[in-house]
Amino acid sequence: MTGARTPRVIIITGASDGIGAEMARQLAAKEGAGLALVLAARNAAQLDAVAAECAAFGAQVLAVPTDVGVQIQCRRLVITAVERFGRIDVLVNNAGRSAHALFEEVEDLGWYEELMRVNLWGSVWCTQAALPHLKDARGSIVAVSSLAGLIGVPGRTAYSATKFAMTGFFEALRAEVKGAGVSVTTAYPGVVATKIRYRGFNAQGEAAGASGLKEEGAMSVEECARLIIEGMNARRREVVMSAKGKLGRFLKLLAPGMVEKMALAALKDEVKPHG
C-alpha cells in the first residue's frame, strides 16, 4: 500500500490581496489536497479570509502575519513553514509597495529607503532564510518584479530603483543556484487591475489614494496570476506578460528614446513632468 503523496509546500508573501491572493486561490483550486500553502502579509484579517478560501478547496493552509520589511519576521516566516510542513518547495516573493512621485518634488527621502526595504530586502531576507530548504527540495524561487524593473518609468524613480535592484539580484542568484537544482523565475507584470498603486507612496510619503498611470486596458489579476503560475511550474527564467512589455524591452536596446516616449505616454497628464 502506498502512502499519501507529500503536499507541495509553497510560501507566498503579499498574499492578503491582489496578485498574491489570486495565485493562492488558483493554486489551491488546481492542486487541492496536494498543496500546502504558507500565506504571509501584514493584514491578518484579510490573510485569514484568503486562507479560508484556499482551505475550502482542500489545501492545507497556514497564515503567518508578516511584515517583510523586518528581517526577523522573514526568518520567522520560513521557520514557521518548516516547523509545520517539514519542507519548502517554492518561495514566491510577491510582497511589495508602489510609489509615484516626481523626484524633484520629494523633500524627505526616508520613504525611498522604506520602499527599498520592503521591495528588495524583503525578498532578499526571505530568500536567504528559505534557500537551504529550497536546495534540499530542488525547488523554485519566484520574484514578482515589474516592467518598471526593466524600463525606467518617469515619476517612479523609487519604485523602478527597487524593482531594477530586484531584477539584478535574482538574475545573479539564478546563476549561483542553478547547479543546486533551484530555479529562479522573475515575473514582470505591467499595469494590473489591483489597488497597489492607490496605496503606494506619493511625494510626501503618504498613501497616494490614486494611480498615476493610465489604467485603461490593465491586465486582470486573474490573468496575471495564471501567467506567473504557468512560468513557475515550467521553471522559466522570466515571464514578460504583455506585447507592449516585450516590445519595450526589445526597443530599449535599439531605440531608447522611443521607449522613454512610451513610458511618458503611460502617465496621466496631471502627473507628467513639466518644464
C-alpha atoms as a PDB file:
ATOM      1  CA  MET A   1       0.000   0.000   0.000  1.00  0.00           C
ATOM      2  CA  THR A   2       1.450   3.365  -0.997  1.00  0.00           C
ATOM      3  CA  GLY A   3       1.356   6.334   1.353  1.00  0.00           C
ATOM      4  CA  ALA A   4      -0.276   9.652   0.639  1.00  0.00           C
ATOM      5  CA  ARG A   5       1.665  11.976  -1.637  1.00  0.00           C
ATOM      6  CA  THR A   6       3.628  14.661   0.203  1.00  0.00           C
ATOM      7  CA  PRO A   7       1.968  18.037  -0.473  1.00  0.00           C
ATOM      8  CA  ARG A   8       3.896  20.672  -2.403  1.00  0.00           C
ATOM      9  CA  VAL A   9       4.748  23.441   0.073  1.00  0.00           C
ATOM     10  CA  ILE A  10       4.552  26.984  -1.322  1.00  0.00           C
ATOM     11  CA  ILE A  11       5.212  30.220   0.575  1.00  0.00           C
ATOM     12  CA  ILE A  12       3.578  33.331  -0.904  1.00  0.00           C
ATOM     13  CA  THR A  13       4.335  36.779   0.507  1.00  0.00           C
ATOM     14  CA  GLY A  14       1.925  39.663  -0.057  1.00  0.00           C
ATOM     15  CA  ALA A  15      -0.863  37.081  -0.071  1.00  0.00           C
ATOM     16  CA  SER A  16      -3.679  39.084   1.523  1.00  0.00           C
ATOM     17  CA  ASP A  17      -4.905  40.603  -1.746  1.00  0.00           C
ATOM     18  CA  GLY A  18      -4.011  41.321  -5.366  1.00  0.00           C
ATOM     19  CA  ILE A  19      -1.664  39.026  -7.265  1.00  0.00           C
ATOM     20  CA  GLY A  20      -0.539  37.034  -4.217  1.00  0.00           C
ATOM     21  CA  ALA A  21      -4.062  36.213  -3.064  1.00  0.00           C
ATOM     22  CA  GLU A  22      -5.129  35.254  -6.575  1.00  0.00           C
ATOM     23  CA  MET A  23      -2.098  32.988  -7.017  1.00  0.00           C
ATOM     24  CA  ALA A  24      -3.024  31.257  -3.757  1.00  0.00           C
ATOM     25  CA  ARG A  25      -6.637  30.752  -4.856  1.00  0.00           C
ATOM     26  CA  GLN A  26      -5.693  29.411  -8.285  1.00  0.00           C
ATOM     27  CA  LEU A  27      -3.087  27.039  -6.873  1.00  0.00           C
ATOM     28  CA  ALA A  28      -5.497  25.748  -4.228  1.00  0.00           C
ATOM     29  CA  ALA A  29      -8.274  25.267  -6.774  1.00  0.00           C
ATOM     30  CA  LYS A  30      -5.994  23.249  -9.041  1.00  0.00           C
ATOM     31  CA  GLU A  31      -3.962  21.211  -6.535  1.00  0.00           C
ATOM     32  CA  GLY A  32      -6.349  20.823  -3.589  1.00  0.00           C
ATOM     33  CA  ALA A  33      -5.076  18.341  -1.019  1.00  0.00           C
ATOM     34  CA  GLY A  34      -1.785  18.063  -2.893  1.00  0.00           C
ATOM     35  CA  LEU A  35      -0.863  21.559  -1.771  1.00  0.00           C
ATOM     36  CA  ALA A  36       0.291  23.180   1.445  1.00  0.00           C
ATOM     37  CA  LEU A  37       0.186  26.973   1.328  1.00  0.00           C
ATOM     38  CA  VAL A  38       2.000  29.306   3.694  1.00  0.00           C
ATOM     39  CA  LEU A  39       0.466  32.744   3.236  1.00  0.00           C
ATOM     40  CA  ALA A  40       2.186  35.885   4.517  1.00  0.00           C
ATOM     41  CA  ALA A  41       1.110  39.539   4.654  1.00  0.00           C
ATOM     42  CA  ARG A  42       0.711  42.357   7.165  1.00  0.00           C
ATOM     43  CA  ASN A  43      -3.099  42.426   7.198  1.00  0.00           C
ATOM     44  CA  ALA A  44      -4.038  39.445   9.385  1.00  0.00           C
ATOM     45  CA  ALA A  45      -7.793  39.703   8.811  1.00  0.00           C
ATOM     46  CA  GLN A  46      -7.505  39.752   5.016  1.00  0.00           C
ATOM     47  CA  LEU A  47      -4.900  36.996   5.170  1.00  0.00           C
ATOM     48  CA  ASP A  48      -7.253  34.777   7.168  1.00  0.00           C
ATOM     49  CA  ALA A  49     -10.025  35.387   4.632  1.00  0.00           C
ATOM     50  CA  VAL A  50      -7.797  34.276   1.737  1.00  0.00           C
ATOM     51  CA  ALA A  51      -6.610  31.283   3.768  1.00  0.00           C
ATOM     52  CA  ALA A  52     -10.231  30.202   4.330  1.00  0.00           C
ATOM     53  CA  GLU A  53     -10.953  30.417   0.589  1.00  0.00           C
ATOM     54  CA  CYS A  54      -7.934  28.223  -0.165  1.00  0.00           C
ATOM     55  CA  ALA A  55      -8.770  25.721   2.577  1.00  0.00           C
ATOM     56  CA  ALA A  56     -12.236  25.312   1.043  1.00  0.00           C
ATOM     57  CA  PHE A  57     -10.512  23.746  -1.988  1.00  0.00           C
ATOM     58  CA  GLY A  58      -8.891  21.142   0.269  1.00  0.00           C
ATOM     59  CA  ALA A  59      -5.428  22.679   0.515  1.00  0.00           C
ATOM     60  CA  GLN A  60      -3.590  22.788   3.828  1.00  0.00           C
ATOM     61  CA  VAL A  61      -3.130  26.469   4.684  1.00  0.00           C
ATOM     62  CA  LEU A  62      -1.048  28.297   7.258  1.00  0.00           C
ATOM     63  CA  ALA A  63      -1.493  32.080   7.583  1.00  0.00           C
ATOM     64  CA  VAL A  64       1.530  33.881   9.067  1.00  0.00           C
ATOM     65  CA  PRO A  65       1.091  37.646   9.585  1.00  0.00           C
ATOM     66  CA  THR A  66       4.399  39.067   8.356  1.00  0.00           C
ATOM     67  CA  ASP A  67       5.985  42.419   7.564  1.00  0.00           C
ATOM     68  CA  VAL A  68       8.729  41.538   5.077  1.00  0.00           C
ATOM     69  CA  GLY A  69      10.343  44.914   5.773  1.00  0.00           C
ATOM     70  CA  VAL A  70      11.532  43.423   9.094  1.00  0.00           C
ATOM     71  CA  GLN A  71      14.273  40.825   8.736  1.00  0.00           C
ATOM     72  CA  ILE A  72      13.431  38.794  11.829  1.00  0.00           C
ATOM     73  CA  GLN A  73       9.843  38.399  10.613  1.00  0.00           C
ATOM     74  CA  CYS A  74      11.105  36.998   7.292  1.00  0.00           C
ATOM     75  CA  ARG A  75      13.184  34.438   9.180  1.00  0.00           C
ATOM     76  CA  ARG A  76      10.254  33.597  11.435  1.00  0.00           C
ATOM     77  CA  LEU A  77       8.026  33.026   8.397  1.00  0.00           C
ATOM     78  CA  VAL A  78      10.393  30.430   6.983  1.00  0.00           C
ATOM     79  CA  ILE A  79      10.993  28.728  10.338  1.00  0.00           C
ATOM     80  CA  THR A  80       7.234  28.513  10.945  1.00  0.00           C
ATOM     81  CA  ALA A  81       6.662  26.997   7.497  1.00  0.00           C
ATOM     82  CA  VAL A  82       9.327  24.325   8.018  1.00  0.00           C
ATOM     83  CA  GLU A  83       8.147  23.516  11.541  1.00  0.00           C
ATOM     84  CA  ARG A  84       4.633  22.962  10.200  1.00  0.00           C
ATOM     85  CA  PHE A  85       5.263  21.208   6.897  1.00  0.00           C
ATOM     86  CA  GLY A  86       8.866  19.983   7.063  1.00  0.00           C
ATOM     87  CA  ARG A  87       9.965  21.379   3.701  1.00  0.00           C
ATOM     88  CA  ILE A  88       9.713  24.277   1.241  1.00  0.00           C
ATOM     89  CA  ASP A  89       9.261  23.626  -2.473  1.00  0.00           C
ATOM     90  CA  VAL A  90       8.518  27.129  -3.740  1.00  0.00           C
ATOM     91  CA  LEU A  91       9.059  30.643  -2.396  1.00  0.00           C
ATOM     92  CA  VAL A  92       7.028  33.365  -4.126  1.00  0.00           C
ATOM     93  CA  ASN A  93       8.462  36.802  -3.305  1.00  0.00           C
ATOM     94  CA  ASN A  94       5.405  38.877  -4.158  1.00  0.00           C
ATOM     95  CA  ALA A  95       5.086  41.390  -1.297  1.00  0.00           C
ATOM     96  CA  GLY A  96       5.735  44.965  -2.311  1.00  0.00           C
ATOM     97  CA  ARG A  97       4.650  48.574  -2.240  1.00  0.00           C
ATOM     98  CA  SER A  98       4.193  51.015  -5.085  1.00  0.00           C
ATOM     99  CA  ALA A  99       5.087  54.705  -5.342  1.00  0.00           C
ATOM    100  CA  HIS A 100       4.550  57.582  -7.733  1.00  0.00           C
ATOM    101  CA  ALA A 101       6.322  60.911  -7.321  1.00  0.00           C
ATOM    102  CA  LEU A 102       8.461  63.235  -9.404  1.00  0.00           C
ATOM    103  CA  PHE A 103      11.911  63.195  -7.832  1.00  0.00           C
ATOM    104  CA  GLU A 104      12.174  66.998  -7.698  1.00  0.00           C
ATOM    105  CA  GLU A 105       9.015  67.136  -5.563  1.00  0.00           C
ATOM    106  CA  VAL A 106      10.325  64.735  -2.900  1.00  0.00           C
ATOM    107  CA  GLU A 107      11.711  66.509   0.181  1.00  0.00           C
ATOM    108  CA  ASP A 108      12.275  63.596   2.561  1.00  0.00           C
ATOM    109  CA  LEU A 109      13.859  60.510   1.011  1.00  0.00           C
ATOM    110  CA  GLY A 110      13.107  58.368   4.057  1.00  0.00           C
ATOM    111  CA  TRP A 111      10.260  56.608   2.296  1.00  0.00           C
ATOM    112  CA  TYR A 112      12.621  55.730  -0.588  1.00  0.00           C
ATOM    113  CA  GLU A 113      14.586  53.686   1.962  1.00  0.00           C
ATOM    114  CA  GLU A 114      11.400  52.102   3.299  1.00  0.00           C
ATOM    115  CA  LEU A 115      10.310  51.136  -0.203  1.00  0.00           C
ATOM    116  CA  MET A 116      13.686  49.517  -0.855  1.00  0.00           C
ATOM    117  CA  ARG A 117      13.468  47.633   2.433  1.00  0.00           C
ATOM    118  CA  VAL A 118      10.085  46.142   1.514  1.00  0.00           C
ATOM    119  CA  ASN A 119      10.515  45.540  -2.219  1.00  0.00           C
ATOM    120  CA  LEU A 120      14.147  44.435  -2.328  1.00  0.00           C
ATOM    121  CA  TRP A 121      15.254  43.498   1.166  1.00  0.00           C
ATOM    122  CA  GLY A 122      12.038  41.648   1.987  1.00  0.00           C
ATOM    123  CA  SER A 123      12.729  39.367  -0.979  1.00  0.00           C
ATOM    124  CA  VAL A 124      16.416  39.019  -0.108  1.00  0.00           C
ATOM    125  CA  TRP A 125      15.727  38.186   3.547  1.00  0.00           C
ATOM    126  CA  CYS A 126      13.023  35.628   2.754  1.00  0.00           C
ATOM    127  CA  THR A 127      15.182  34.033   0.075  1.00  0.00           C
ATOM    128  CA  GLN A 128      18.239  33.762   2.324  1.00  0.00           C
ATOM    129  CA  ALA A 129      16.197  32.085   5.054  1.00  0.00           C
ATOM    130  CA  ALA A 130      14.482  29.669   2.657  1.00  0.00           C
ATOM    131  CA  LEU A 131      17.427  28.801   0.393  1.00  0.00           C
ATOM    132  CA  PRO A 132      18.789  25.768   2.304  1.00  0.00           C
ATOM    133  CA  HIS A 133      15.317  24.204   2.284  1.00  0.00           C
ATOM    134  CA  LEU A 134      14.787  25.047  -1.395  1.00  0.00           C
ATOM    135  CA  LYS A 135      18.117  23.388  -2.225  1.00  0.00           C
ATOM    136  CA  ASP A 136      17.063  20.278  -0.309  1.00  0.00           C
ATOM    137  CA  ALA A 137      13.851  20.150  -2.341  1.00  0.00           C
ATOM    138  CA  ARG A 138      15.478  21.248  -5.639  1.00  0.00           C
ATOM    139  CA  GLY A 139      12.700  23.780  -5.582  1.00  0.00           C
ATOM    140  CA  SER A 140      11.819  27.112  -7.128  1.00  0.00           C
ATOM    141  CA  ILE A 141      12.034  30.818  -6.336  1.00  0.00           C
ATOM    142  CA  VAL A 142       9.630  33.290  -7.915  1.00  0.00           C
ATOM    143  CA  ALA A 143      10.358  37.022  -7.829  1.00  0.00           C
ATOM    144  CA  VAL A 144       7.473  39.292  -8.789  1.00  0.00           C
ATOM    145  CA  SER A 145       9.216  42.343 -10.207  1.00  0.00           C
ATOM    146  CA  SER A 146       7.597  44.790 -12.657  1.00  0.00           C
ATOM    147  CA  LEU A 147       8.050  46.228 -16.118  1.00  0.00           C
ATOM    148  CA  ALA A 148       9.360  49.189 -14.123  1.00  0.00           C
ATOM    149  CA  GLY A 149      12.230  46.847 -13.232  1.00  0.00           C
ATOM    150  CA  LEU A 150      13.154  46.581 -16.919  1.00  0.00           C
ATOM    151  CA  ILE A 151      12.334  50.088 -18.144  1.00  0.00           C
ATOM    152  CA  GLY A 152      12.704  53.243 -16.060  1.00  0.00           C
ATOM    153  CA  VAL A 153       9.313  54.922 -15.738  1.00  0.00           C
ATOM    154  CA  PRO A 154       9.118  58.700 -15.122  1.00  0.00           C
ATOM    155  CA  GLY A 155       7.522  59.533 -11.799  1.00  0.00           C
ATOM    156  CA  ARG A 156       8.582  56.144 -10.469  1.00  0.00           C
ATOM    157  CA  THR A 157      12.258  56.663  -9.634  1.00  0.00           C
ATOM    158  CA  ALA A 158      11.889  54.989  -6.225  1.00  0.00           C
ATOM    159  CA  TYR A 159       9.762  52.103  -7.463  1.00  0.00           C
ATOM    160  CA  SER A 160      11.903  51.483 -10.551  1.00  0.00           C
ATOM    161  CA  ALA A 161      15.039  51.522  -8.383  1.00  0.00           C
ATOM    162  CA  THR A 162      13.641  48.813  -6.097  1.00  0.00           C
ATOM    163  CA  LYS A 163      12.493  46.664  -8.991  1.00  0.00           C
ATOM    164  CA  PHE A 164      15.708  47.080 -11.020  1.00  0.00           C
ATOM    165  CA  ALA A 165      17.590  46.018  -7.876  1.00  0.00           C
ATOM    166  CA  MET A 166      15.300  43.015  -7.504  1.00  0.00           C
ATOM    167  CA  THR A 167      15.845  42.086 -11.158  1.00  0.00           C
ATOM    168  CA  GLY A 168      19.630  42.240 -10.769  1.00  0.00           C
ATOM    169  CA  PHE A 169      19.694  40.297  -7.523  1.00  0.00           C
ATOM    170  CA  PHE A 170      17.624  37.404  -8.817  1.00  0.00           C
ATOM    171  CA  GLU A 171      19.426  37.317 -12.165  1.00  0.00           C
ATOM    172  CA  ALA A 172      22.733  36.832 -10.353  1.00  0.00           C
ATOM    173  CA  LEU A 173      21.229  34.375  -7.871  1.00  0.00           C
ATOM    174  CA  ARG A 174      19.802  32.285 -10.719  1.00  0.00           C
ATOM    175  CA  ALA A 175      23.314  31.530 -11.944  1.00  0.00           C
ATOM    176  CA  GLU A 176      24.534  30.780  -8.403  1.00  0.00           C
ATOM    177  CA  VAL A 177      21.850  28.212  -7.552  1.00  0.00           C
ATOM    178  CA  LYS A 178      21.410  26.554 -10.937  1.00  0.00           C
ATOM    179  CA  GLY A 179      23.863  23.795 -10.067  1.00  0.00           C
ATOM    180  CA  ALA A 180      21.880  23.029  -6.903  1.00  0.00           C
ATOM    181  CA  GLY A 181      18.767  22.371  -8.981  1.00  0.00           C
ATOM    182  CA  VAL A 182      16.919  25.501  -7.806  1.00  0.00           C
ATOM    183  CA  SER A 183      15.103  27.507 -10.474  1.00  0.00           C
ATOM    184  CA  VAL A 184      14.558  31.267 -10.336  1.00  0.00           C
ATOM    185  CA  THR A 185      11.634  32.789 -12.242  1.00  0.00           C
ATOM    186  CA  THR A 186      11.332  36.571 -12.421  1.00  0.00           C
ATOM    187  CA  ALA A 187       7.922  37.929 -13.429  1.00  0.00           C
ATOM    188  CA  TYR A 188       7.461  41.376 -14.939  1.00  0.00           C
ATOM    189  CA  PRO A 189       3.800  42.456 -14.722  1.00  0.00           C
ATOM    190  CA  GLY A 190       2.763  45.699 -16.373  1.00  0.00           C
ATOM    191  CA  VAL A 191      -0.340  47.582 -15.243  1.00  0.00           C
ATOM    192  CA  VAL A 192      -2.542  45.049 -13.441  1.00  0.00           C
ATOM    193  CA  ALA A 193      -6.046  45.757 -12.141  1.00  0.00           C
ATOM    194  CA  THR A 194      -5.141  45.822  -8.440  1.00  0.00           C
ATOM    195  CA  LYS A 195      -5.151  48.650  -5.887  1.00  0.00           C
ATOM    196  CA  ILE A 196      -1.394  48.582  -5.239  1.00  0.00           C
ATOM    197  CA  ARG A 197      -0.825  51.973  -6.856  1.00  0.00           C
ATOM    198  CA  TYR A 198      -3.583  53.577  -4.767  1.00  0.00           C
ATOM    199  CA  ARG A 199      -1.847  52.507  -1.548  1.00  0.00           C
ATOM    200  CA  GLY A 200       1.639  53.422  -2.752  1.00  0.00           C
ATOM    201  CA  PHE A 201       3.671  56.411  -1.610  1.00  0.00           C
ATOM    202  CA  ASN A 202       3.232  59.911  -3.008  1.00  0.00           C
ATOM    203  CA  ALA A 203       5.865  62.682  -2.932  1.00  0.00           C
ATOM    204  CA  GLN A 204       5.112  63.354   0.743  1.00  0.00           C
ATOM    205  CA  GLY A 205       5.500  59.687   1.671  1.00  0.00           C
ATOM    206  CA  GLU A 206       1.745  59.293   2.249  1.00  0.00           C
ATOM    207  CA  ALA A 207      -0.717  56.867   0.662  1.00  0.00           C
ATOM    208  CA  ALA A 208      -1.328  58.153  -2.856  1.00  0.00           C
ATOM    209  CA  GLY A 209      -5.066  57.383  -2.946  1.00  0.00           C
ATOM    210  CA  ALA A 210      -4.962  57.328  -6.760  1.00  0.00           C
ATOM    211  CA  SER A 211      -2.915  55.865  -9.583  1.00  0.00           C
ATOM    212  CA  GLY A 212      -0.571  57.998 -11.658  1.00  0.00           C
ATOM    213  CA  LEU A 213      -0.770  55.521 -14.530  1.00  0.00           C
ATOM    214  CA  LYS A 214      -3.444  55.158 -17.164  1.00  0.00           C
ATOM    215  CA  GLU A 215      -5.441  52.132 -16.040  1.00  0.00           C
ATOM    216  CA  GLU A 216      -7.367  51.532 -19.277  1.00  0.00           C
ATOM    217  CA  GLY A 217      -6.568  48.101 -20.654  1.00  0.00           C
ATOM    218  CA  ALA A 218      -4.986  46.910 -17.399  1.00  0.00           C
ATOM    219  CA  MET A 219      -4.401  43.156 -17.244  1.00  0.00           C
ATOM    220  CA  SER A 220      -6.787  41.303 -14.960  1.00  0.00           C
ATOM    221  CA  VAL A 221      -5.301  39.995 -11.741  1.00  0.00           C
ATOM    222  CA  GLU A 222      -6.583  36.532 -12.676  1.00  0.00           C
ATOM    223  CA  GLU A 223      -4.638  36.505 -15.939  1.00  0.00           C
ATOM    224  CA  CYS A 224      -1.504  37.888 -14.279  1.00  0.00           C
ATOM    225  CA  ALA A 225      -1.578  35.224 -11.556  1.00  0.00           C
ATOM    226  CA  ARG A 226      -2.189  32.485 -14.120  1.00  0.00           C
ATOM    227  CA  LEU A 227       0.826  33.545 -16.189  1.00  0.00           C
ATOM    228  CA  ILE A 228       3.108  33.666 -13.153  1.00  0.00           C
ATOM    229  CA  ILE A 229       1.982  30.198 -12.015  1.00  0.00           C
ATOM    230  CA  GLU A 230       2.485  28.859 -15.525  1.00  0.00           C
ATOM    231  CA  GLY A 231       6.036  30.267 -15.629  1.00  0.00           C
ATOM    232  CA  MET A 232       6.760  28.993 -12.112  1.00  0.00           C
ATOM    233  CA  ASN A 233       5.611  25.448 -12.875  1.00  0.00           C
ATOM    234  CA  ALA A 234       7.608  25.402 -16.128  1.00  0.00           C
ATOM    235  CA  ARG A 235      10.646  26.748 -14.213  1.00  0.00           C
ATOM    236  CA  ARG A 236      11.056  29.536 -16.768  1.00  0.00           C
ATOM    237  CA  ARG A 237      13.702  32.190 -16.293  1.00  0.00           C
ATOM    238  CA  GLU A 238      11.370  35.112 -16.968  1.00  0.00           C
ATOM    239  CA  VAL A 239       7.715  35.940 -17.517  1.00  0.00           C
ATOM    240  CA  VAL A 240       7.192  39.141 -19.525  1.00  0.00           C
ATOM    241  CA  MET A 241       3.442  39.314 -19.841  1.00  0.00           C
ATOM    242  CA  SER A 242       2.307  41.877 -22.368  1.00  0.00           C
ATOM    243  CA  ALA A 243       3.143  42.522 -26.000  1.00  0.00           C
ATOM    244  CA  LYS A 244       3.944  46.127 -25.076  1.00  0.00           C
ATOM    245  CA  GLY A 245       6.349  44.927 -22.391  1.00  0.00           C
ATOM    246  CA  LYS A 246       8.140  42.577 -24.774  1.00  0.00           C
ATOM    247  CA  LEU A 247       8.336  45.306 -27.419  1.00  0.00           C
ATOM    248  CA  GLY A 248       9.613  47.878 -24.944  1.00  0.00           C
ATOM    249  CA  ARG A 249      12.369  45.576 -23.752  1.00  0.00           C
ATOM    250  CA  PHE A 250      13.497  44.954 -27.332  1.00  0.00           C
ATOM    251  CA  LEU A 251      13.297  48.613 -28.356  1.00  0.00           C
ATOM    252  CA  LYS A 252      15.295  49.692 -25.289  1.00  0.00           C
ATOM    253  CA  LEU A 253      18.380  48.220 -26.951  1.00  0.00           C
ATOM    254  CA  LEU A 254      17.735  49.741 -30.364  1.00  0.00           C
ATOM    255  CA  ALA A 255      15.766  52.949 -29.805  1.00  0.00           C
ATOM    256  CA  PRO A 256      15.882  54.020 -26.130  1.00  0.00           C
ATOM    257  CA  GLY A 257      14.392  57.437 -26.903  1.00  0.00           C
ATOM    258  CA  MET A 258      11.265  55.768 -28.270  1.00  0.00           C
ATOM    259  CA  VAL A 259      10.935  53.737 -25.068  1.00  0.00           C
ATOM    260  CA  GLU A 260      11.075  56.943 -22.996  1.00  0.00           C
ATOM    261  CA  LYS A 261       8.199  58.331 -25.069  1.00  0.00           C
ATOM    262  CA  MET A 262       6.226  55.127 -24.487  1.00  0.00           C
ATOM    263  CA  ALA A 263       6.845  55.399 -20.748  1.00  0.00           C
ATOM    264  CA  LEU A 264       5.702  59.033 -20.673  1.00  0.00           C
ATOM    265  CA  ALA A 265       2.589  58.123 -22.651  1.00  0.00           C
ATOM    266  CA  ALA A 266       1.604  55.685 -19.894  1.00  0.00           C
ATOM    267  CA  LEU A 267       1.292  58.516 -17.373  1.00  0.00           C
ATOM    268  CA  LYS A 268      -1.812  60.555 -16.695  1.00  0.00           C
ATOM    269  CA  ASP A 269      -1.438  64.130 -17.936  1.00  0.00           C
ATOM    270  CA  GLU A 270      -1.702  65.636 -14.462  1.00  0.00           C
ATOM    271  CA  VAL A 271       1.341  63.761 -13.168  1.00  0.00           C
ATOM    272  CA  LYS A 272       3.665  64.142 -16.141  1.00  0.00           C
ATOM    273  CA  PRO A 273       6.948  66.006 -15.567  1.00  0.00           C
ATOM    274  CA  HIS A 274       6.876  69.664 -16.583  1.00  0.00           C
ATOM    275  CA  GLY A 275       9.402  72.286 -17.562  1.00  0.00           C
END
